[in-house]
Amino acid sequence: VQLQASGGGLVQAGGSLRLSCAASGSIRSISLMSWYRQASGKQRELVATIVSSGSTNYGNSVKGRFTISRDNAKSTAYLQMNSLKPEDTADYYCYAVVNALPYWGQGTLVTVSS
């Protein structure tokens, strides 16, 4: 199983980006998909999670600005990021529990300029 993250880039403050995380391989079930981020010199933090029922959870710093969703048919999770702030600048990583095992994708860099 592999997770492929994409969609990062450079955006001005107040702008939007959408990240994608596609799972591939021999997939029987995906119980949850999450996005984490790690800014330079800081610890990795949870951004958002969506579980198989569709329930979501967000980190306090992104509530009301970011939305996580998933397309089960495509085994893909999305992170819509609106009203971006310079402090959102970080490497964003997707994480998923697939077939009851944890997997990390590679990071995708989001840079928000002021």
PDB file of N, CA and C in Angstrom:
ATOM      1  N   VAL A   1       0.855  -1.189   0.000  1.00  0.00           N
ATOM      2  CA  VAL A   1       0.000   0.000   0.000  1.00  0.00           C
ATOM      3  C   VAL A   1       0.886   1.233   0.000  1.00  0.00           C
ATOM      4  N   GLN A   2       0.516   2.191  -0.823  1.00  0.00           N
ATOM      5  CA  GLN A   2       1.237   3.468  -0.861  1.00  0.00           C
ATOM      6  C   GLN A   2       0.241   4.613  -0.777  1.00  0.00           C
ATOM      7  N   LEU A   3       0.706   5.714  -0.175  1.00  0.00           N
ATOM      8  CA  LEU A   3      -0.071   6.938  -0.127  1.00  0.00           C
ATOM      9  C   LEU A   3       0.682   7.998  -0.919  1.00  0.00           C
ATOM     10  N   GLN A   4      -0.004   8.620  -1.851  1.00  0.00           N
ATOM     11  CA  GLN A   4       0.600   9.650  -2.689  1.00  0.00           C
ATOM     12  C   GLN A   4      -0.082  10.973  -2.402  1.00  0.00           C
ATOM     13  N   ALA A   5       0.673  11.895  -1.817  1.00  0.00           N
ATOM     14  CA  ALA A   5       0.142  13.227  -1.510  1.00  0.00           C
ATOM     15  C   ALA A   5       0.517  14.196  -2.620  1.00  0.00           C
ATOM     16  N   SER A   6      -0.367  15.117  -2.912  1.00  0.00           N
ATOM     17  CA  SER A   6      -0.106  16.121  -3.947  1.00  0.00           C
ATOM     18  C   SER A   6      -0.924  17.366  -3.667  1.00  0.00           C
ATOM     19  N   GLY A   7      -0.581  18.434  -4.382  1.00  0.00           N
ATOM     20  CA  GLY A   7      -1.377  19.651  -4.310  1.00  0.00           C
ATOM     21  C   GLY A   7      -0.727  20.816  -3.593  1.00  0.00           C
ATOM     22  N   GLY A   8       0.429  20.607  -3.003  1.00  0.00           N
ATOM     23  CA  GLY A   8       1.088  21.702  -2.317  1.00  0.00           C
ATOM     24  C   GLY A   8       1.596  22.747  -3.283  1.00  0.00           C
ATOM     25  N   GLY A   9       2.005  23.882  -2.737  1.00  0.00           N
ATOM     26  CA  GLY A   9       2.540  24.946  -3.586  1.00  0.00           C
ATOM     27  C   GLY A   9       2.656  26.237  -2.819  1.00  0.00           C
ATOM     28  N   LEU A  10       2.882  27.293  -3.563  1.00  0.00           N
ATOM     29  CA  LEU A  10       3.033  28.636  -3.006  1.00  0.00           C
ATOM     30  C   LEU A  10       1.741  29.410  -3.237  1.00  0.00           C
ATOM     31  N   VAL A  11       1.239  30.031  -2.187  1.00  0.00           N
ATOM     32  CA  VAL A  11       0.001  30.795  -2.285  1.00  0.00           C
ATOM     33  C   VAL A  11       0.111  32.021  -1.391  1.00  0.00           C
ATOM     34  N   GLN A  12      -0.574  33.081  -1.766  1.00  0.00           N
ATOM     35  CA  GLN A  12      -0.582  34.270  -0.931  1.00  0.00           C
ATOM     36  C   GLN A  12      -1.540  34.106   0.232  1.00  0.00           C
ATOM     37  N   ALA A  13      -1.282  34.832   1.291  1.00  0.00           N
ATOM     38  CA  ALA A  13      -2.182  34.812   2.445  1.00  0.00           C
ATOM     39  C   ALA A  13      -3.600  35.166   2.001  1.00  0.00           C
ATOM     40  N   GLY A  14      -4.553  34.416   2.544  1.00  0.00           N
ATOM     41  CA  GLY A  14      -5.949  34.586   2.156  1.00  0.00           C
ATOM     42  C   GLY A  14      -6.385  33.680   1.025  1.00  0.00           C
ATOM     43  N   GLY A  15      -5.424  33.046   0.386  1.00  0.00           N
ATOM     44  CA  GLY A  15      -5.726  32.169  -0.738  1.00  0.00           C
ATOM     45  C   GLY A  15      -6.131  30.770  -0.311  1.00  0.00           C
ATOM     46  N   SER A  16      -6.292  29.903  -1.307  1.00  0.00           N
ATOM     47  CA  SER A  16      -6.754  28.535  -1.071  1.00  0.00           C
ATOM     48  C   SER A  16      -5.880  27.532  -1.810  1.00  0.00           C
ATOM     49  N   LEU A  17      -5.826  26.323  -1.272  1.00  0.00           N
ATOM     50  CA  LEU A  17      -5.187  25.188  -1.923  1.00  0.00           C
ATOM     51  C   LEU A  17      -5.989  23.949  -1.579  1.00  0.00           C
ATOM     52  N   ARG A  18      -5.910  22.941  -2.446  1.00  0.00           N
ATOM     53  CA  ARG A  18      -6.522  21.659  -2.137  1.00  0.00           C
ATOM     54  C   ARG A  18      -5.482  20.562  -2.258  1.00  0.00           C
ATOM     55  N   LEU A  19      -5.283  19.845  -1.174  1.00  0.00           N
ATOM     56  CA  LEU A  19      -4.358  18.720  -1.167  1.00  0.00           C
ATOM     57  C   LEU A  19      -5.125  17.421  -1.413  1.00  0.00           C
ATOM     58  N   SER A  20      -4.432  16.482  -2.045  1.00  0.00           N
ATOM     59  CA  SER A  20      -5.018  15.161  -2.285  1.00  0.00           C
ATOM     60  C   SER A  20      -4.095  14.096  -1.730  1.00  0.00           C
ATOM     61  N   CYS A  21      -4.676  13.015  -1.240  1.00  0.00           N
ATOM     62  CA  CYS A  21      -3.910  11.865  -0.752  1.00  0.00           C
ATOM     63  C   CYS A  21      -4.578  10.619  -1.318  1.00  0.00           C
ATOM     64  N   ALA A  22      -3.901   9.980  -2.246  1.00  0.00           N
ATOM     65  CA  ALA A  22      -4.465   8.806  -2.905  1.00  0.00           C
ATOM     66  C   ALA A  22      -3.784   7.542  -2.399  1.00  0.00           C
ATOM     67  N   ALA A  23      -4.575   6.596  -1.949  1.00  0.00           N
ATOM     68  CA  ALA A  23      -4.055   5.305  -1.516  1.00  0.00           C
ATOM     69  C   ALA A  23      -4.119   4.329  -2.680  1.00  0.00           C
ATOM     70  N   SER A  24      -3.082   3.522  -2.811  1.00  0.00           N
ATOM     71  CA  SER A  24      -3.050   2.536  -3.889  1.00  0.00           C
ATOM     72  C   SER A  24      -2.457   1.236  -3.373  1.00  0.00           C
ATOM     73  N   GLY A  25      -2.724   0.181  -4.108  1.00  0.00           N
ATOM     74  CA  GLY A  25      -2.238  -1.132  -3.715  1.00  0.00           C
ATOM     75  C   GLY A  25      -3.399  -2.050  -3.400  1.00  0.00           C
ATOM     76  N   SER A  26      -3.120  -3.065  -2.619  1.00  0.00           N
ATOM     77  CA  SER A  26      -4.142  -4.038  -2.248  1.00  0.00           C
ATOM     78  C   SER A  26      -4.909  -3.515  -1.042  1.00  0.00           C
ATOM     79  N   ILE A  27      -6.032  -2.874  -1.311  1.00  0.00           N
ATOM     80  CA  ILE A  27      -6.798  -2.199  -0.264  1.00  0.00           C
ATOM     81  C   ILE A  27      -8.092  -2.948  -0.020  1.00  0.00           C
ATOM     82  N   ARG A  28      -8.281  -3.363   1.224  1.00  0.00           N
ATOM     83  CA  ARG A  28      -9.559  -3.977   1.607  1.00  0.00           C
ATOM     84  C   ARG A  28     -10.412  -3.002   2.398  1.00  0.00           C
ATOM     85  N   SER A  29      -9.751  -2.188   3.215  1.00  0.00           N
ATOM     86  CA  SER A  29     -10.497  -1.222   4.003  1.00  0.00           C
ATOM     87  C   SER A  29      -9.589  -0.071   4.387  1.00  0.00           C
ATOM     88  N   ILE A  30     -10.184   1.111   4.478  1.00  0.00           N
ATOM     89  CA  ILE A  30      -9.496   2.296   4.975  1.00  0.00           C
ATOM     90  C   ILE A  30     -10.333   2.819   6.125  1.00  0.00           C
ATOM     91  N   SER A  31      -9.852   2.675   7.341  1.00  0.00           N
ATOM     92  CA  SER A  31     -10.658   3.062   8.492  1.00  0.00           C
ATOM     93  C   SER A  31     -10.561   4.552   8.780  1.00  0.00           C
ATOM     94  N   LEU A  32      -9.423   5.152   8.495  1.00  0.00           N
ATOM     95  CA  LEU A  32      -9.334   6.594   8.645  1.00  0.00           C
ATOM     96  C   LEU A  32      -8.240   7.157   7.757  1.00  0.00           C
ATOM     97  N   MET A  33      -8.401   8.417   7.430  1.00  0.00           N
ATOM     98  CA  MET A  33      -7.391   9.154   6.681  1.00  0.00           C
ATOM     99  C   MET A  33      -7.209  10.509   7.359  1.00  0.00           C
ATOM    100  N   SER A  34      -5.975  10.920   7.475  1.00  0.00           N
ATOM    101  CA  SER A  34      -5.663  12.154   8.190  1.00  0.00           C
ATOM    102  C   SER A  34      -4.622  12.957   7.428  1.00  0.00           C
ATOM    103  N   TRP A  35      -4.583  14.217   7.768  1.00  0.00           N
ATOM    104  CA  TRP A  35      -3.499  15.109   7.353  1.00  0.00           C
ATOM    105  C   TRP A  35      -2.804  15.617   8.600  1.00  0.00           C
ATOM    106  N   TYR A  36      -1.477  15.575   8.568  1.00  0.00           N
ATOM    107  CA  TYR A  36      -0.632  16.169   9.581  1.00  0.00           C
ATOM    108  C   TYR A  36       0.238  17.217   8.901  1.00  0.00           C
ATOM    109  N   ARG A  37       0.802  18.098   9.689  1.00  0.00           N
ATOM    110  CA  ARG A  37       1.751  19.055   9.136  1.00  0.00           C
ATOM    111  C   ARG A  37       2.900  19.266  10.105  1.00  0.00           C
ATOM    112  N   GLN A  38       4.027  19.640   9.527  1.00  0.00           N
ATOM    113  CA  GLN A  38       5.212  19.916  10.329  1.00  0.00           C
ATOM    114  C   GLN A  38       5.902  21.134   9.767  1.00  0.00           C
ATOM    115  N   ALA A  39       5.905  22.190  10.562  1.00  0.00           N
ATOM    116  CA  ALA A  39       6.614  23.400  10.184  1.00  0.00           C
ATOM    117  C   ALA A  39       8.070  23.280  10.617  1.00  0.00           C
ATOM    118  N   SER A  40       8.914  24.063  10.002  1.00  0.00           N
ATOM    119  CA  SER A  40      10.339  24.006  10.304  1.00  0.00           C
ATOM    120  C   SER A  40      10.587  24.271  11.783  1.00  0.00           C
ATOM    121  N   GLY A  41      11.287  23.352  12.424  1.00  0.00           N
ATOM    122  CA  GLY A  41      11.634  23.509  13.824  1.00  0.00           C
ATOM    123  C   GLY A  41      10.528  23.187  14.800  1.00  0.00           C
ATOM    124  N   LYS A  42       9.411  22.680  14.295  1.00  0.00           N
ATOM    125  CA  LYS A  42       8.282  22.378  15.171  1.00  0.00           C
ATOM    126  C   LYS A  42       7.902  20.906  15.068  1.00  0.00           C
ATOM    127  N   GLN A  43       7.117  20.461  16.034  1.00  0.00           N
ATOM    128  CA  GLN A  43       6.656  19.081  16.031  1.00  0.00           C
ATOM    129  C   GLN A  43       5.528  18.895  15.015  1.00  0.00           C
ATOM    130  N   ARG A  44       5.404  17.667  14.549  1.00  0.00           N
ATOM    131  CA  ARG A  44       4.307  17.344  13.646  1.00  0.00           C
ATOM    132  C   ARG A  44       2.993  17.448  14.415  1.00  0.00           C
ATOM    133  N   GLU A  45       1.988  18.046  13.785  1.00  0.00           N
ATOM    134  CA  GLU A  45       0.695  18.200  14.442  1.00  0.00           C
ATOM    135  C   GLU A  45      -0.428  17.719  13.542  1.00  0.00           C
ATOM    136  N   LEU A  46      -1.491  17.246  14.192  1.00  0.00           N
ATOM    137  CA  LEU A  46      -2.663  16.789  13.458  1.00  0.00           C
ATOM    138  C   LEU A  46      -3.425  17.989  12.908  1.00  0.00           C
ATOM    139  N   VAL A  47      -3.775  17.903  11.629  1.00  0.00           N
ATOM    140  CA  VAL A  47      -4.564  18.954  10.987  1.00  0.00           C
ATOM    141  C   VAL A  47      -6.027  18.537  10.927  1.00  0.00           C
ATOM    142  N   ALA A  48      -6.280  17.342  10.390  1.00  0.00           N
ATOM    143  CA  ALA A  48      -7.664  16.895  10.226  1.00  0.00           C
ATOM    144  C   ALA A  48      -7.705  15.391  10.025  1.00  0.00           C
ATOM    145  N   THR A  49      -8.809  14.802  10.436  1.00  0.00           N
ATOM    146  CA  THR A  49      -9.028  13.367  10.289  1.00  0.00           C
ATOM    147  C   THR A  49     -10.441  13.123   9.810  1.00  0.00           C
ATOM    148  N   ILE A  50     -10.594  12.123   8.953  1.00  0.00           N
ATOM    149  CA  ILE A  50     -11.920  11.654   8.559  1.00  0.00           C
ATOM    150  C   ILE A  50     -11.934  10.140   8.684  1.00  0.00           C
ATOM    151  N   VAL A  51     -12.952   9.634   9.346  1.00  0.00           N
ATOM    152  CA  VAL A  51     -13.049   8.188   9.541  1.00  0.00           C
ATOM    153  C   VAL A  51     -14.036   7.595   8.535  1.00  0.00           C
ATOM    154  N   SER A  52     -14.137   6.294   8.541  1.00  0.00           N
ATOM    155  CA  SER A  52     -14.922   5.612   7.524  1.00  0.00           C
ATOM    156  C   SER A  52     -16.399   5.995   7.558  1.00  0.00           C
ATOM    157  N   SER A  53     -16.894   6.404   8.722  1.00  0.00           N
ATOM    158  CA  SER A  53     -18.299   6.822   8.833  1.00  0.00           C
ATOM    159  C   SER A  53     -18.529   8.204   8.239  1.00  0.00           C
ATOM    160  N   GLY A  54     -17.452   8.924   8.004  1.00  0.00           N
ATOM    161  CA  GLY A  54     -17.556  10.284   7.500  1.00  0.00           C
ATOM    162  C   GLY A  54     -17.370  11.345   8.563  1.00  0.00           C
ATOM    163  N   SER A  55     -17.271  10.932   9.798  1.00  0.00           N
ATOM    164  CA  SER A  55     -17.038  11.898  10.871  1.00  0.00           C
ATOM    165  C   SER A  55     -15.659  12.518  10.725  1.00  0.00           C
ATOM    166  N   THR A  56     -15.579  13.782  11.100  1.00  0.00           N
ATOM    167  CA  THR A  56     -14.324  14.529  10.935  1.00  0.00           C
ATOM    168  C   THR A  56     -13.886  15.152  12.255  1.00  0.00           C
ATOM    169  N   ASN A  57     -12.601  15.445  12.309  1.00  0.00           N
ATOM    170  CA  ASN A  57     -12.025  16.106  13.476  1.00  0.00           C
ATOM    171  C   ASN A  57     -10.933  17.030  12.977  1.00  0.00           C
ATOM    172  N   TYR A  58     -10.823  18.220  13.591  1.00  0.00           N
ATOM    173  CA  TYR A  58      -9.858  19.214  13.127  1.00  0.00           C
ATOM    174  C   TYR A  58      -9.007  19.741  14.276  1.00  0.00           C
ATOM    175  N   GLY A  59      -7.788  20.119  13.947  1.00  0.00           N
ATOM    176  CA  GLY A  59      -6.974  20.835  14.893  1.00  0.00           C
ATOM    177  C   GLY A  59      -7.548  22.224  15.123  1.00  0.00           C
ATOM    178  N   ASN A  60      -7.354  22.756  16.320  1.00  0.00           N
ATOM    179  CA  ASN A  60      -7.967  24.038  16.673  1.00  0.00           C
ATOM    180  C   ASN A  60      -7.537  25.165  15.734  1.00  0.00           C
ATOM    181  N   SER A  61      -6.317  25.112  15.256  1.00  0.00           N
ATOM    182  CA  SER A  61      -5.798  26.220  14.459  1.00  0.00           C
ATOM    183  C   SER A  61      -6.379  26.276  13.047  1.00  0.00           C
ATOM    184  N   VAL A  62      -7.061  25.212  12.619  1.00  0.00           N
ATOM    185  CA  VAL A  62      -7.596  25.194  11.251  1.00  0.00           C
ATOM    186  C   VAL A  62      -9.116  25.105  11.201  1.00  0.00           C
ATOM    187  N   LYS A  63      -9.748  24.970  12.339  1.00  0.00           N
ATOM    188  CA  LYS A  63     -11.211  24.856  12.367  1.00  0.00           C
ATOM    189  C   LYS A  63     -11.861  26.065  11.686  1.00  0.00           C
ATOM    190  N   GLY A  64     -12.828  25.762  10.829  1.00  0.00           N
ATOM    191  CA  GLY A  64     -13.530  26.833  10.131  1.00  0.00           C
ATOM    192  C   GLY A  64     -12.844  27.284   8.852  1.00  0.00           C
ATOM    193  N   ARG A  65     -11.601  26.847   8.637  1.00  0.00           N
ATOM    194  CA  ARG A  65     -10.876  27.243   7.418  1.00  0.00           C
ATOM    195  C   ARG A  65     -10.568  26.044   6.524  1.00  0.00           C
ATOM    196  N   PHE A  66     -10.311  24.906   7.119  1.00  0.00           N
ATOM    197  CA  PHE A  66      -9.952  23.702   6.367  1.00  0.00           C
ATOM    198  C   PHE A  66     -11.102  22.703   6.413  1.00  0.00           C
ATOM    199  N   THR A  67     -11.238  21.944   5.339  1.00  0.00           N
ATOM    200  CA  THR A  67     -12.256  20.898   5.267  1.00  0.00           C
ATOM    201  C   THR A  67     -11.635  19.631   4.709  1.00  0.00           C
ATOM    202  N   ILE A  68     -11.799  18.528   5.437  1.00  0.00           N
ATOM    203  CA  ILE A  68     -11.314  17.240   4.948  1.00  0.00           C
ATOM    204  C   ILE A  68     -12.499  16.463   4.392  1.00  0.00           C
ATOM    205  N   SER A  69     -12.253  15.763   3.307  1.00  0.00           N
ATOM    206  CA  SER A  69     -13.289  14.932   2.707  1.00  0.00           C
ATOM    207  C   SER A  69     -12.613  13.707   2.103  1.00  0.00           C
ATOM    208  N   ARG A  70     -13.412  12.749   1.697  1.00  0.00           N
ATOM    209  CA  ARG A  70     -12.830  11.571   1.074  1.00  0.00           C
ATOM    210  C   ARG A  70     -13.759  11.010   0.010  1.00  0.00           C
ATOM    211  N   ASP A  71     -13.149  10.422  -0.983  1.00  0.00           N
ATOM    212  CA  ASP A  71     -13.860   9.729  -2.057  1.00  0.00           C
ATOM    213  C   ASP A  71     -13.514   8.258  -1.901  1.00  0.00           C
ATOM    214  N   ASN A  72     -14.425   7.497  -1.331  1.00  0.00           N
ATOM    215  CA  ASN A  72     -14.136   6.087  -1.049  1.00  0.00           C
ATOM    216  C   ASN A  72     -13.878   5.290  -2.320  1.00  0.00           C
ATOM    217  N   ALA A  73     -14.567   5.631  -3.380  1.00  0.00           N
ATOM    218  CA  ALA A  73     -14.380   4.896  -4.634  1.00  0.00           C
ATOM    219  C   ALA A  73     -12.968   5.074  -5.187  1.00  0.00           C
ATOM    220  N   LYS A  74     -12.369   6.211  -4.887  1.00  0.00           N
ATOM    221  CA  LYS A  74     -11.018   6.506  -5.380  1.00  0.00           C
ATOM    222  C   LYS A  74      -9.963   6.303  -4.298  1.00  0.00           C
ATOM    223  N   SER A  75     -10.388   5.889  -3.104  1.00  0.00           N
ATOM    224  CA  SER A  75      -9.451   5.728  -1.969  1.00  0.00           C
ATOM    225  C   SER A  75      -8.606   6.983  -1.788  1.00  0.00           C
ATOM    226  N   THR A  76      -9.252   8.110  -1.857  1.00  0.00           N
ATOM    227  CA  THR A  76      -8.551   9.399  -1.824  1.00  0.00           C
ATOM    228  C   THR A  76      -9.189  10.325  -0.793  1.00  0.00           C
ATOM    229  N   ALA A  77      -8.338  11.010  -0.070  1.00  0.00           N
ATOM    230  CA  ALA A  77      -8.772  12.050   0.854  1.00  0.00           C
ATOM    231  C   ALA A  77      -8.311  13.395   0.325  1.00  0.00           C
ATOM    232  N   TYR A  78      -9.091  14.404   0.629  1.00  0.00           N
ATOM    233  CA  TYR A  78      -8.784  15.761   0.182  1.00  0.00           C
ATOM    234  C   TYR A  78      -8.744  16.679   1.393  1.00  0.00           C
ATOM    235  N   LEU A  79      -7.935  17.710   1.295  1.00  0.00           N
ATOM    236  CA  LEU A  79      -7.915  18.750   2.313  1.00  0.00           C
ATOM    237  C   LEU A  79      -8.067  20.084   1.598  1.00  0.00           C
ATOM    238  N   GLN A  80      -9.252  20.668   1.723  1.00  0.00           N
ATOM    239  CA  GLN A  80      -9.491  21.993   1.156  1.00  0.00           C
ATOM    240  C   GLN A  80      -9.061  23.020   2.186  1.00  0.00           C
ATOM    241  N   MET A  81      -8.119  23.859   1.821  1.00  0.00           N
ATOM    242  CA  MET A  81      -7.575  24.853   2.738  1.00  0.00           C
ATOM    243  C   MET A  81      -7.917  26.235   2.233  1.00  0.00           C
ATOM    244  N   ASN A  82      -8.722  26.952   3.001  1.00  0.00           N
ATOM    245  CA  ASN A  82      -9.132  28.309   2.649  1.00  0.00           C
ATOM    246  C   ASN A  82      -8.590  29.309   3.658  1.00  0.00           C
ATOM    247  N   SER A  83      -8.617  30.553   3.287  1.00  0.00           N
ATOM    248  CA  SER A  83      -8.150  31.634   4.185  1.00  0.00           C
ATOM    249  C   SER A  83      -6.784  31.302   4.767  1.00  0.00           C
ATOM    250  N   LEU A  84      -5.878  30.901   3.914  1.00  0.00           N
ATOM    251  CA  LEU A  84      -4.560  30.477   4.375  1.00  0.00           C
ATOM    252  C   LEU A  84      -3.789  31.623   4.999  1.00  0.00           C
ATOM    253  N   LYS A  85      -3.014  31.273   6.013  1.00  0.00           N
ATOM    254  CA  LYS A  85      -2.205  32.231   6.749  1.00  0.00           C
ATOM    255  C   LYS A  85      -0.736  31.827   6.639  1.00  0.00           C
ATOM    256  N   PRO A  86       0.178  32.775   6.805  1.00  0.00           N
ATOM    257  CA  PRO A  86       1.601  32.415   6.764  1.00  0.00           C
ATOM    258  C   PRO A  86       1.952  31.304   7.753  1.00  0.00           C
ATOM    259  N   GLU A  87       1.270  31.263   8.879  1.00  0.00           N
ATOM    260  CA  GLU A  87       1.569  30.225   9.878  1.00  0.00           C
ATOM    261  C   GLU A  87       1.089  28.844   9.453  1.00  0.00           C
ATOM    262  N   ASP A  88       0.386  28.740   8.337  1.00  0.00           N
ATOM    263  CA  ASP A  88       0.019  27.437   7.791  1.00  0.00           C
ATOM    264  C   ASP A  88       1.150  26.837   6.965  1.00  0.00           C
ATOM    265  N   THR A  89       2.206  27.596   6.755  1.00  0.00           N
ATOM    266  CA  THR A  89       3.345  27.097   5.995  1.00  0.00           C
ATOM    267  C   THR A  89       3.956  25.882   6.686  1.00  0.00           C
ATOM    268  N   ALA A  90       4.061  24.781   5.969  1.00  0.00           N
ATOM    269  CA  ALA A  90       4.573  23.533   6.541  1.00  0.00           C
ATOM    270  C   ALA A  90       4.635  22.458   5.463  1.00  0.00           C
ATOM    271  N   ASP A  91       5.296  21.378   5.806  1.00  0.00           N
ATOM    272  CA  ASP A  91       5.159  20.152   5.022  1.00  0.00           C
ATOM    273  C   ASP A  91       3.902  19.444   5.513  1.00  0.00           C
ATOM    274  N   TYR A  92       3.041  19.073   4.600  1.00  0.00           N
ATOM    275  CA  TYR A  92       1.793  18.391   4.941  1.00  0.00           C
ATOM    276  C   TYR A  92       1.916  16.920   4.560  1.00  0.00           C
ATOM    277  N   TYR A  93       1.586  16.052   5.509  1.00  0.00           N
ATOM    278  CA  TYR A  93       1.704  14.603   5.323  1.00  0.00           C
ATOM    279  C   TYR A  93       0.338  13.948   5.461  1.00  0.00           C
ATOM    280  N   CYS A  94       0.073  12.999   4.597  1.00  0.00           N
ATOM    281  CA  CYS A  94      -1.150  12.226   4.784  1.00  0.00           C
ATOM    282  C   CYS A  94      -0.816  10.935   5.510  1.00  0.00           C
ATOM    283  N   TYR A  95      -1.794  10.475   6.247  1.00  0.00           N
ATOM    284  CA  TYR A  95      -1.686   9.278   7.069  1.00  0.00           C
ATOM    285  C   TYR A  95      -2.989   8.522   6.917  1.00  0.00           C
ATOM    286  N   ALA A  96      -2.900   7.209   6.854  1.00  0.00           N
ATOM    287  CA  ALA A  96      -4.109   6.411   6.734  1.00  0.00           C
ATOM    288  C   ALA A  96      -3.916   5.068   7.421  1.00  0.00           C
ATOM    289  N   VAL A  97      -5.005   4.542   7.916  1.00  0.00           N
ATOM    290  CA  VAL A  97      -5.017   3.178   8.428  1.00  0.00           C
ATOM    291  C   VAL A  97      -5.716   2.337   7.364  1.00  0.00           C
ATOM    292  N   VAL A  98      -4.900   1.514   6.707  1.00  0.00           N
ATOM    293  CA  VAL A  98      -5.374   0.702   5.586  1.00  0.00           C
ATOM    294  C   VAL A  98      -5.197  -0.769   5.955  1.00  0.00           C
ATOM    295  N   ASN A  99      -6.268  -1.512   5.819  1.00  0.00           N
ATOM    296  CA  ASN A  99      -6.208  -2.939   6.189  1.00  0.00           C
ATOM    297  C   ASN A  99      -5.687  -3.098   7.616  1.00  0.00           C
ATOM    298  N   ALA A 100      -6.084  -2.161   8.487  1.00  0.00           N
ATOM    299  CA  ALA A 100      -5.736  -2.151   9.917  1.00  0.00           C
ATOM    300  C   ALA A 100      -4.265  -1.866  10.176  1.00  0.00           C
ATOM    301  N   LEU A 101      -3.553  -1.378   9.165  1.00  0.00           N
ATOM    302  CA  LEU A 101      -2.140  -1.018   9.341  1.00  0.00           C
ATOM    303  C   LEU A 101      -1.929   0.464   9.038  1.00  0.00           C
ATOM    304  N   PRO A 102      -1.007   1.129   9.735  1.00  0.00           N
ATOM    305  CA  PRO A 102      -0.756   2.552   9.520  1.00  0.00           C
ATOM    306  C   PRO A 102       0.227   2.799   8.369  1.00  0.00           C
ATOM    307  N   TYR A 103      -0.076   3.824   7.600  1.00  0.00           N
ATOM    308  CA  TYR A 103       0.805   4.216   6.493  1.00  0.00           C
ATOM    309  C   TYR A 103       0.935   5.728   6.454  1.00  0.00           C
ATOM    310  N   TRP A 104       2.124   6.178   6.078  1.00  0.00           N
ATOM    311  CA  TRP A 104       2.385   7.599   5.864  1.00  0.00           C
ATOM    312  C   TRP A 104       2.708   7.825   4.399  1.00  0.00           C
ATOM    313  N   GLY A 105       2.237   8.954   3.892  1.00  0.00           N
ATOM    314  CA  GLY A 105       2.641   9.378   2.572  1.00  0.00           C
ATOM    315  C   GLY A 105       3.825  10.322   2.683  1.00  0.00           C
ATOM    316  N   GLN A 106       4.371  10.697   1.542  1.00  0.00           N
ATOM    317  CA  GLN A 106       5.456  11.674   1.548  1.00  0.00           C
ATOM    318  C   GLN A 106       4.855  13.064   1.780  1.00  0.00           C
ATOM    319  N   GLY A 107       5.652  13.997   2.169  1.00  0.00           N
ATOM    320  CA  GLY A 107       5.162  15.342   2.428  1.00  0.00           C
ATOM    321  C   GLY A 107       4.934  16.127   1.154  1.00  0.00           C
ATOM    322  N   THR A 108       4.033  17.070   1.238  1.00  0.00           N
ATOM    323  CA  THR A 108       3.856  18.048   0.171  1.00  0.00           C
ATOM    324  C   THR A 108       3.932  19.424   0.824  1.00  0.00           C
ATOM    325  N   LEU A 109       4.775  20.277   0.269  1.00  0.00           N
ATOM    326  CA  LEU A 109       5.080  21.555   0.898  1.00  0.00           C
ATOM    327  C   LEU A 109       4.042  22.607   0.545  1.00  0.00           C
ATOM    328  N   VAL A 110       3.530  23.248   1.576  1.00  0.00           N
ATOM    329  CA  VAL A 110       2.627  24.388   1.422  1.00  0.00           C
ATOM    330  C   VAL A 110       3.339  25.618   1.973  1.00  0.00           C
ATOM    331  N   THR A 111       3.458  26.632   1.140  1.00  0.00           N
ATOM    332  CA  THR A 111       4.103  27.883   1.543  1.00  0.00           C
ATOM    333  C   THR A 111       3.110  29.011   1.347  1.00  0.00           C
ATOM    334  N   VAL A 112       2.841  29.740   2.424  1.00  0.00           N
ATOM    335  CA  VAL A 112       1.898  30.856   2.368  1.00  0.00           C
ATOM    336  C   VAL A 112       2.676  32.147   2.587  1.00  0.00           C
ATOM    337  N   SER A 113       2.664  32.997   1.592  1.00  0.00           N
ATOM    338  CA  SER A 113       3.407  34.256   1.673  1.00  0.00           C
ATOM    339  C   SER A 113       2.507  35.357   2.223  1.00  0.00           C
ATOM    340  N   SER A 114       3.127  36.276   2.932  1.00  0.00           N
ATOM    341  CA  SER A 114       2.355  37.382   3.537  1.00  0.00           C
ATOM    342  C   SER A 114       2.271  38.571   2.611  1.00  0.00           C
TER     343      SER A 114
END
